[in-house]
Amino acid sequence: MCIRDRDNGSSHTSKATRAWLAAHPRFHVHHTPVHSSWLNMIEIWFSILTSKVLRQGEFTSRQHLAQAITDFVADYNTTAKPFRWTYDARPLQAA
C-alpha cells in the first residue's frame, strides 16, 4: 500500500513514524511533486463532500454513510463543472 506525502514535509521523519513504517513493510511513502495541482483539486472536492455531507449528517450505520456519499456524488455530478486551476507559477508573496 502506498502513502502519498502531499506536502513533502517532515511528517515522515519522526522516529515514531519511521519505526511504524519499518514495522509495516507493506506501506511505502511516495513523495509527490510540489506542482501536483490535481492533488489540490481533489482536496477541494473532498472539502466540499466533508462540509455538505459528513459534517451535516448523523449516520446510523456504515451503509447509511455510504448511501449518503453515493447520493451526494450522484447529485453533485448533475451540475459539476471542472475546477479552474489559476496558479501561474509565480512565487507566492506574503500579504
Foldseek 3Di string as FASTA:
>chain_A
DEDEDQQPDCPCPDPVNVVVCVVVVVYDYDYDDNPPCVVVQVVVVVVCCCVPQVVPDDAPDPVRSVVSSVVVVVVCVVDDDGDDDDDPPDDDDDD
